[in-house]
Amino acid sequence: EGVNDHHKAEAIFKAFAKSLKEAIKVE
């Protein structure tokens, strides 16, 4: 959600990065 397309795209790529980083952790 948001107004600025640049911010929205960057936020989705960063959220993808952060979630993938966590999911690949070896526990």
PDB file of all heavy atoms in Angstrom:
ATOM      1  N   GLU A   1       0.860  -1.180   0.000  1.00  0.00           N
ATOM      2  CA  GLU A   1       0.000   0.000   0.000  1.00  0.00           C
ATOM      3  C   GLU A   1       0.891   1.222   0.000  1.00  0.00           C
ATOM      4  O   GLU A   1       1.991   1.194   0.552  1.00  0.00           O
ATOM      5  CB  GLU A   1      -0.878   0.021   1.251  1.00  0.00           C
ATOM      6  CG  GLU A   1      -1.890  -1.097   1.323  1.00  0.00           C
ATOM      7  CD  GLU A   1      -2.688  -1.063   2.620  1.00  0.00           C
ATOM      8  OE1 GLU A   1      -2.733   0.001   3.266  1.00  0.00           O
ATOM      9  OE2 GLU A   1      -3.237  -2.102   2.980  1.00  0.00           O
ATOM     10  N   GLY A   2       0.429   2.288  -0.605  1.00  0.00           N
ATOM     11  CA  GLY A   2       1.202   3.523  -0.619  1.00  0.00           C
ATOM     12  C   GLY A   2       0.769   4.426  -1.746  1.00  0.00           C
ATOM     13  O   GLY A   2      -0.224   4.169  -2.422  1.00  0.00           O
ATOM     14  N   VAL A   3       1.545   5.468  -1.973  1.00  0.00           N
ATOM     15  CA  VAL A   3       1.234   6.466  -2.989  1.00  0.00           C
ATOM     16  C   VAL A   3       2.289   6.480  -4.085  1.00  0.00           C
ATOM     17  O   VAL A   3       1.965   6.463  -5.266  1.00  0.00           O
ATOM     18  CB  VAL A   3       1.128   7.879  -2.348  1.00  0.00           C
ATOM     19  CG1 VAL A   3       0.913   8.948  -3.416  1.00  0.00           C
ATOM     20  CG2 VAL A   3       0.006   7.908  -1.316  1.00  0.00           C
ATOM     21  N   ASN A   4       3.549   6.463  -3.707  1.00  0.00           N
ATOM     22  CA  ASN A   4       4.654   6.586  -4.641  1.00  0.00           C
ATOM     23  C   ASN A   4       5.053   5.217  -5.187  1.00  0.00           C
ATOM     24  O   ASN A   4       5.408   4.317  -4.433  1.00  0.00           O
ATOM     25  CB  ASN A   4       5.836   7.255  -3.923  1.00  0.00           C
ATOM     26  CG  ASN A   4       7.015   7.471  -4.823  1.00  0.00           C
ATOM     27  OD1 ASN A   4       7.722   6.524  -5.162  1.00  0.00           O
ATOM     28  ND2 ASN A   4       7.244   8.716  -5.210  1.00  0.00           N
ATOM     29  N   ASP A   5       5.012   5.032  -6.518  1.00  0.00           N
ATOM     30  CA  ASP A   5       5.309   3.734  -7.130  1.00  0.00           C
ATOM     31  C   ASP A   5       6.732   3.255  -6.844  1.00  0.00           C
ATOM     32  O   ASP A   5       6.962   2.068  -6.629  1.00  0.00           O
ATOM     33  CB  ASP A   5       5.087   3.794  -8.643  1.00  0.00           C
ATOM     34  CG  ASP A   5       3.620   3.762  -9.037  1.00  0.00           C
ATOM     35  OD1 ASP A   5       2.769   3.483  -8.155  1.00  0.00           O
ATOM     36  OD2 ASP A   5       3.313   4.006 -10.214  1.00  0.00           O
ATOM     37  N   HIS A   6       7.695   4.179  -6.841  1.00  0.00           N
ATOM     38  CA  HIS A   6       9.075   3.802  -6.522  1.00  0.00           C
ATOM     39  C   HIS A   6       9.145   3.211  -5.114  1.00  0.00           C
ATOM     40  O   HIS A   6       9.739   2.148  -4.898  1.00  0.00           O
ATOM     41  CB  HIS A   6       9.988   5.029  -6.637  1.00  0.00           C
ATOM     42  CG  HIS A   6      11.439   4.748  -6.402  1.00  0.00           C
ATOM     43  ND1 HIS A   6      12.421   5.185  -7.249  1.00  0.00           N
ATOM     44  CD2 HIS A   6      12.091   4.089  -5.409  1.00  0.00           C
ATOM     45  CE1 HIS A   6      13.603   4.799  -6.794  1.00  0.00           C
ATOM     46  NE2 HIS A   6      13.428   4.140  -5.671  1.00  0.00           N
ATOM     47  N   HIS A   7       8.547   3.884  -4.167  1.00  0.00           N
ATOM     48  CA  HIS A   7       8.561   3.408  -2.777  1.00  0.00           C
ATOM     49  C   HIS A   7       7.839   2.070  -2.643  1.00  0.00           C
ATOM     50  O   HIS A   7       8.299   1.183  -1.913  1.00  0.00           O
ATOM     51  CB  HIS A   7       7.903   4.434  -1.851  1.00  0.00           C
ATOM     52  CG  HIS A   7       8.643   5.720  -1.773  1.00  0.00           C
ATOM     53  ND1 HIS A   7       8.049   6.871  -1.312  1.00  0.00           N
ATOM     54  CD2 HIS A   7       9.921   6.059  -2.092  1.00  0.00           C
ATOM     55  CE1 HIS A   7       8.934   7.864  -1.340  1.00  0.00           C
ATOM     56  NE2 HIS A   7      10.070   7.392  -1.822  1.00  0.00           N
ATOM     57  N   LYS A   8       6.714   1.913  -3.340  1.00  0.00           N
ATOM     58  CA  LYS A   8       5.958   0.663  -3.258  1.00  0.00           C
ATOM     59  C   LYS A   8       6.769  -0.507  -3.822  1.00  0.00           C
ATOM     60  O   LYS A   8       6.829  -1.577  -3.216  1.00  0.00           O
ATOM     61  CB  LYS A   8       4.610   0.793  -3.976  1.00  0.00           C
ATOM     62  CG  LYS A   8       3.638   1.719  -3.249  1.00  0.00           C
ATOM     63  CD  LYS A   8       2.231   1.637  -3.799  1.00  0.00           C
ATOM     64  CE  LYS A   8       2.094   2.237  -5.168  1.00  0.00           C
ATOM     65  NZ  LYS A   8       0.687   2.302  -5.630  1.00  0.00           N
ATOM     66  N   ALA A   9       7.393  -0.294  -4.985  1.00  0.00           N
ATOM     67  CA  ALA A   9       8.202  -1.356  -5.592  1.00  0.00           C
ATOM     68  C   ALA A   9       9.386  -1.701  -4.697  1.00  0.00           C
ATOM     69  O   ALA A   9       9.673  -2.882  -4.455  1.00  0.00           O
ATOM     70  CB  ALA A   9       8.678  -0.927  -6.977  1.00  0.00           C
ATOM     71  N   GLU A  10      10.061  -0.694  -4.194  1.00  0.00           N
ATOM     72  CA  GLU A  10      11.235  -0.950  -3.356  1.00  0.00           C
ATOM     73  C   GLU A  10      10.840  -1.645  -2.054  1.00  0.00           C
ATOM     74  O   GLU A  10      11.534  -2.556  -1.588  1.00  0.00           O
ATOM     75  CB  GLU A  10      11.990   0.347  -3.081  1.00  0.00           C
ATOM     76  CG  GLU A  10      13.353   0.109  -2.497  1.00  0.00           C
ATOM     77  CD  GLU A  10      14.292   1.300  -2.625  1.00  0.00           C
ATOM     78  OE1 GLU A  10      14.041   2.213  -3.434  1.00  0.00           O
ATOM     79  OE2 GLU A  10      15.295   1.289  -1.890  1.00  0.00           O
ATOM     80  N   ALA A  11       9.727  -1.246  -1.485  1.00  0.00           N
ATOM     81  CA  ALA A  11       9.257  -1.892  -0.245  1.00  0.00           C
ATOM     82  C   ALA A  11       8.941  -3.361  -0.482  1.00  0.00           C
ATOM     83  O   ALA A  11       9.267  -4.214   0.357  1.00  0.00           O
ATOM     84  CB  ALA A  11       8.035  -1.151   0.306  1.00  0.00           C
ATOM     85  N   ILE A  12       8.338  -3.707  -1.622  1.00  0.00           N
ATOM     86  CA  ILE A  12       7.987  -5.110  -1.886  1.00  0.00           C
ATOM     87  C   ILE A  12       9.242  -5.947  -2.120  1.00  0.00           C
ATOM     88  O   ILE A  12       9.339  -7.086  -1.650  1.00  0.00           O
ATOM     89  CB  ILE A  12       6.951  -5.253  -3.034  1.00  0.00           C
ATOM     90  CG1 ILE A  12       6.208  -6.592  -2.927  1.00  0.00           C
ATOM     91  CG2 ILE A  12       7.561  -5.138  -4.403  1.00  0.00           C
ATOM     92  CD1 ILE A  12       5.158  -6.659  -1.874  1.00  0.00           C
ATOM     93  N   PHE A  13      10.240  -5.405  -2.795  1.00  0.00           N
ATOM     94  CA  PHE A  13      11.492  -6.148  -2.990  1.00  0.00           C
ATOM     95  C   PHE A  13      12.238  -6.317  -1.662  1.00  0.00           C
ATOM     96  O   PHE A  13      12.824  -7.372  -1.406  1.00  0.00           O
ATOM     97  CB  PHE A  13      12.383  -5.463  -4.028  1.00  0.00           C
ATOM     98  CG  PHE A  13      12.092  -5.907  -5.441  1.00  0.00           C
ATOM     99  CD1 PHE A  13      11.109  -5.286  -6.197  1.00  0.00           C
ATOM    100  CD2 PHE A  13      12.807  -6.948  -6.014  1.00  0.00           C
ATOM    101  CE1 PHE A  13      10.846  -5.694  -7.499  1.00  0.00           C
ATOM    102  CE2 PHE A  13      12.549  -7.370  -7.321  1.00  0.00           C
ATOM    103  CZ  PHE A  13      11.563  -6.739  -8.060  1.00  0.00           C
ATOM    104  N   LYS A  14      12.200  -5.291  -0.804  1.00  0.00           N
ATOM    105  CA  LYS A  14      12.861  -5.404   0.505  1.00  0.00           C
ATOM    106  C   LYS A  14      12.127  -6.400   1.394  1.00  0.00           C
ATOM    107  O   LYS A  14      12.761  -7.187   2.114  1.00  0.00           O
ATOM    108  CB  LYS A  14      12.932  -4.034   1.182  1.00  0.00           C
ATOM    109  CG  LYS A  14      13.966  -3.115   0.564  1.00  0.00           C
ATOM    110  CD  LYS A  14      13.956  -1.753   1.245  1.00  0.00           C
ATOM    111  CE  LYS A  14      15.020  -0.844   0.647  1.00  0.00           C
ATOM    112  NZ  LYS A  14      14.959   0.529   1.215  1.00  0.00           N
ATOM    113  N   ALA A  15      10.803  -6.394   1.367  1.00  0.00           N
ATOM    114  CA  ALA A  15      10.031  -7.350   2.171  1.00  0.00           C
ATOM    115  C   ALA A  15      10.276  -8.776   1.670  1.00  0.00           C
ATOM    116  O   ALA A  15      10.389  -9.720   2.464  1.00  0.00           O
ATOM    117  CB  ALA A  15       8.548  -7.005   2.135  1.00  0.00           C
ATOM    118  N   PHE A  16      10.381  -8.941   0.359  1.00  0.00           N
ATOM    119  CA  PHE A  16      10.724 -10.238  -0.231  1.00  0.00           C
ATOM    120  C   PHE A  16      12.094 -10.686   0.276  1.00  0.00           C
ATOM    121  O   PHE A  16      12.285 -11.829   0.705  1.00  0.00           O
ATOM    122  CB  PHE A  16      10.699 -10.106  -1.749  1.00  0.00           C
ATOM    123  CG  PHE A  16      11.175 -11.314  -2.508  1.00  0.00           C
ATOM    124  CD1 PHE A  16      10.604 -12.564  -2.318  1.00  0.00           C
ATOM    125  CD2 PHE A  16      12.193 -11.192  -3.445  1.00  0.00           C
ATOM    126  CE1 PHE A  16      11.036 -13.672  -3.039  1.00  0.00           C
ATOM    127  CE2 PHE A  16      12.632 -12.293  -4.171  1.00  0.00           C
ATOM    128  CZ  PHE A  16      12.056 -13.540  -3.957  1.00  0.00           C
ATOM    129  N   ALA A  17      13.058  -9.776   0.261  1.00  0.00           N
ATOM    130  CA  ALA A  17      14.417 -10.082   0.726  1.00  0.00           C
ATOM    131  C   ALA A  17      14.420 -10.500   2.192  1.00  0.00           C
ATOM    132  O   ALA A  17      15.020 -11.523   2.560  1.00  0.00           O
ATOM    133  CB  ALA A  17      15.314  -8.856   0.531  1.00  0.00           C
ATOM    134  N   LYS A  18      13.765  -9.718   3.027  1.00  0.00           N
ATOM    135  CA  LYS A  18      13.761  -9.999   4.472  1.00  0.00           C
ATOM    136  C   LYS A  18      13.061 -11.317   4.794  1.00  0.00           C
ATOM    137  O   LYS A  18      13.517 -12.070   5.664  1.00  0.00           O
ATOM    138  CB  LYS A  18      13.087  -8.852   5.237  1.00  0.00           C
ATOM    139  CG  LYS A  18      13.849  -7.558   5.235  1.00  0.00           C
ATOM    140  CD  LYS A  18      15.099  -7.663   6.075  1.00  0.00           C
ATOM    141  CE  LYS A  18      15.746  -6.311   6.294  1.00  0.00           C
ATOM    142  NZ  LYS A  18      17.026  -6.441   7.006  1.00  0.00           N
ATOM    143  N   SER A  19      11.951 -11.606   4.118  1.00  0.00           N
ATOM    144  CA  SER A  19      11.233 -12.854   4.396  1.00  0.00           C
ATOM    145  C   SER A  19      12.026 -14.058   3.895  1.00  0.00           C
ATOM    146  O   SER A  19      12.090 -15.096   4.558  1.00  0.00           O
ATOM    147  CB  SER A  19       9.824 -12.827   3.802  1.00  0.00           C
ATOM    148  OG  SER A  19       9.863 -12.616   2.408  1.00  0.00           O
ATOM    149  N   LEU A  20      12.671 -13.933   2.740  1.00  0.00           N
ATOM    150  CA  LEU A  20      13.467 -15.042   2.210  1.00  0.00           C
ATOM    151  C   LEU A  20      14.691 -15.289   3.093  1.00  0.00           C
ATOM    152  O   LEU A  20      15.046 -16.444   3.370  1.00  0.00           O
ATOM    153  CB  LEU A  20      13.885 -14.750   0.771  1.00  0.00           C
ATOM    154  CG  LEU A  20      14.340 -15.956  -0.054  1.00  0.00           C
ATOM    155  CD1 LEU A  20      13.217 -16.997  -0.177  1.00  0.00           C
ATOM    156  CD2 LEU A  20      14.791 -15.517  -1.437  1.00  0.00           C
ATOM    157  N   LYS A  21      15.325 -14.214   3.545  1.00  0.00           N
ATOM    158  CA  LYS A  21      16.479 -14.332   4.452  1.00  0.00           C
ATOM    159  C   LYS A  21      16.112 -15.163   5.679  1.00  0.00           C
ATOM    160  O   LYS A  21      16.873 -16.030   6.120  1.00  0.00           O
ATOM    161  CB  LYS A  21      16.945 -12.934   4.869  1.00  0.00           C
ATOM    162  CG  LYS A  21      18.072 -12.931   5.884  1.00  0.00           C
ATOM    163  CD  LYS A  21      18.410 -11.518   6.322  1.00  0.00           C
ATOM    164  CE  LYS A  21      19.470 -11.521   7.393  1.00  0.00           C
ATOM    165  NZ  LYS A  21      19.753 -10.162   7.876  1.00  0.00           N
ATOM    166  N   GLU A  22      14.951 -14.898   6.229  1.00  0.00           N
ATOM    167  CA  GLU A  22      14.494 -15.613   7.426  1.00  0.00           C
ATOM    168  C   GLU A  22      14.127 -17.062   7.105  1.00  0.00           C
ATOM    169  O   GLU A  22      14.450 -17.980   7.867  1.00  0.00           O
ATOM    170  CB  GLU A  22      13.294 -14.876   8.027  1.00  0.00           C
ATOM    171  CG  GLU A  22      12.881 -15.343   9.389  1.00  0.00           C
ATOM    172  CD  GLU A  22      13.918 -15.063  10.478  1.00  0.00           C
ATOM    173  OE1 GLU A  22      14.772 -14.168  10.321  1.00  0.00           O
ATOM    174  OE2 GLU A  22      13.875 -15.776  11.504  1.00  0.00           O
ATOM    175  N   ALA A  23      13.457 -17.284   5.967  1.00  0.00           N
ATOM    176  CA  ALA A  23      12.988 -18.631   5.612  1.00  0.00           C
ATOM    177  C   ALA A  23      14.126 -19.596   5.298  1.00  0.00           C
ATOM    178  O   ALA A  23      13.979 -20.807   5.484  1.00  0.00           O
ATOM    179  CB  ALA A  23      12.024 -18.551   4.420  1.00  0.00           C
ATOM    180  N   ILE A  24      15.277 -19.082   4.820  1.00  0.00           N
ATOM    181  CA  ILE A  24      16.390 -19.968   4.464  1.00  0.00           C
ATOM    182  C   ILE A  24      17.323 -20.252   5.639  1.00  0.00           C
ATOM    183  O   ILE A  24      18.255 -21.048   5.506  1.00  0.00           O
ATOM    184  CB  ILE A  24      17.215 -19.421   3.273  1.00  0.00           C
ATOM    185  CG1 ILE A  24      17.920 -18.114   3.622  1.00  0.00           C
ATOM    186  CG2 ILE A  24      16.336 -19.280   2.036  1.00  0.00           C
ATOM    187  CD1 ILE A  24      18.863 -17.588   2.530  1.00  0.00           C
ATOM    188  N   LYS A  25      17.058 -19.640   6.797  1.00  0.00           N
ATOM    189  CA  LYS A  25      17.903 -19.893   7.972  1.00  0.00           C
ATOM    190  C   LYS A  25      17.878 -21.369   8.335  1.00  0.00           C
ATOM    191  O   LYS A  25      16.822 -22.000   8.344  1.00  0.00           O
ATOM    192  CB  LYS A  25      17.418 -19.082   9.177  1.00  0.00           C
ATOM    193  CG  LYS A  25      17.842 -17.657   9.170  1.00  0.00           C
ATOM    194  CD  LYS A  25      17.432 -16.987  10.464  1.00  0.00           C
ATOM    195  CE  LYS A  25      17.852 -15.532  10.471  1.00  0.00           C
ATOM    196  NZ  LYS A  25      17.357 -14.835  11.658  1.00  0.00           N
ATOM    197  N   VAL A  26      19.036 -21.903   8.656  1.00  0.00           N
ATOM    198  CA  VAL A  26      19.134 -23.291   9.100  1.00  0.00           C
ATOM    199  C   VAL A  26      18.951 -23.306  10.612  1.00  0.00           C
ATOM    200  O   VAL A  26      19.713 -22.684  11.353  1.00  0.00           O
ATOM    201  CB  VAL A  26      20.488 -23.914   8.691  1.00  0.00           C
ATOM    202  CG1 VAL A  26      20.611 -25.323   9.231  1.00  0.00           C
ATOM    203  CG2 VAL A  26      20.640 -23.903   7.171  1.00  0.00           C
ATOM    204  N   GLU A  27      17.911 -24.024  11.064  1.00  0.00           N
ATOM    205  CA  GLU A  27      17.546 -24.040  12.490  1.00  0.00           C
ATOM    206  C   GLU A  27      17.759 -25.396  13.151  1.00  0.00           C
ATOM    207  O   GLU A  27      17.829 -25.480  14.363  1.00  0.00           O
ATOM    208  CB  GLU A  27      16.062 -23.695  12.656  1.00  0.00           C
ATOM    209  CG  GLU A  27      15.673 -22.327  12.212  1.00  0.00           C
ATOM    210  CD  GLU A  27      14.225 -22.014  12.558  1.00  0.00           C
ATOM    211  OE1 GLU A  27      13.341 -22.870  12.353  1.00  0.00           O
ATOM    212  OE2 GLU A  27      13.992 -20.900  13.044  1.00  0.00           O
TER     213      GLU A  27
END
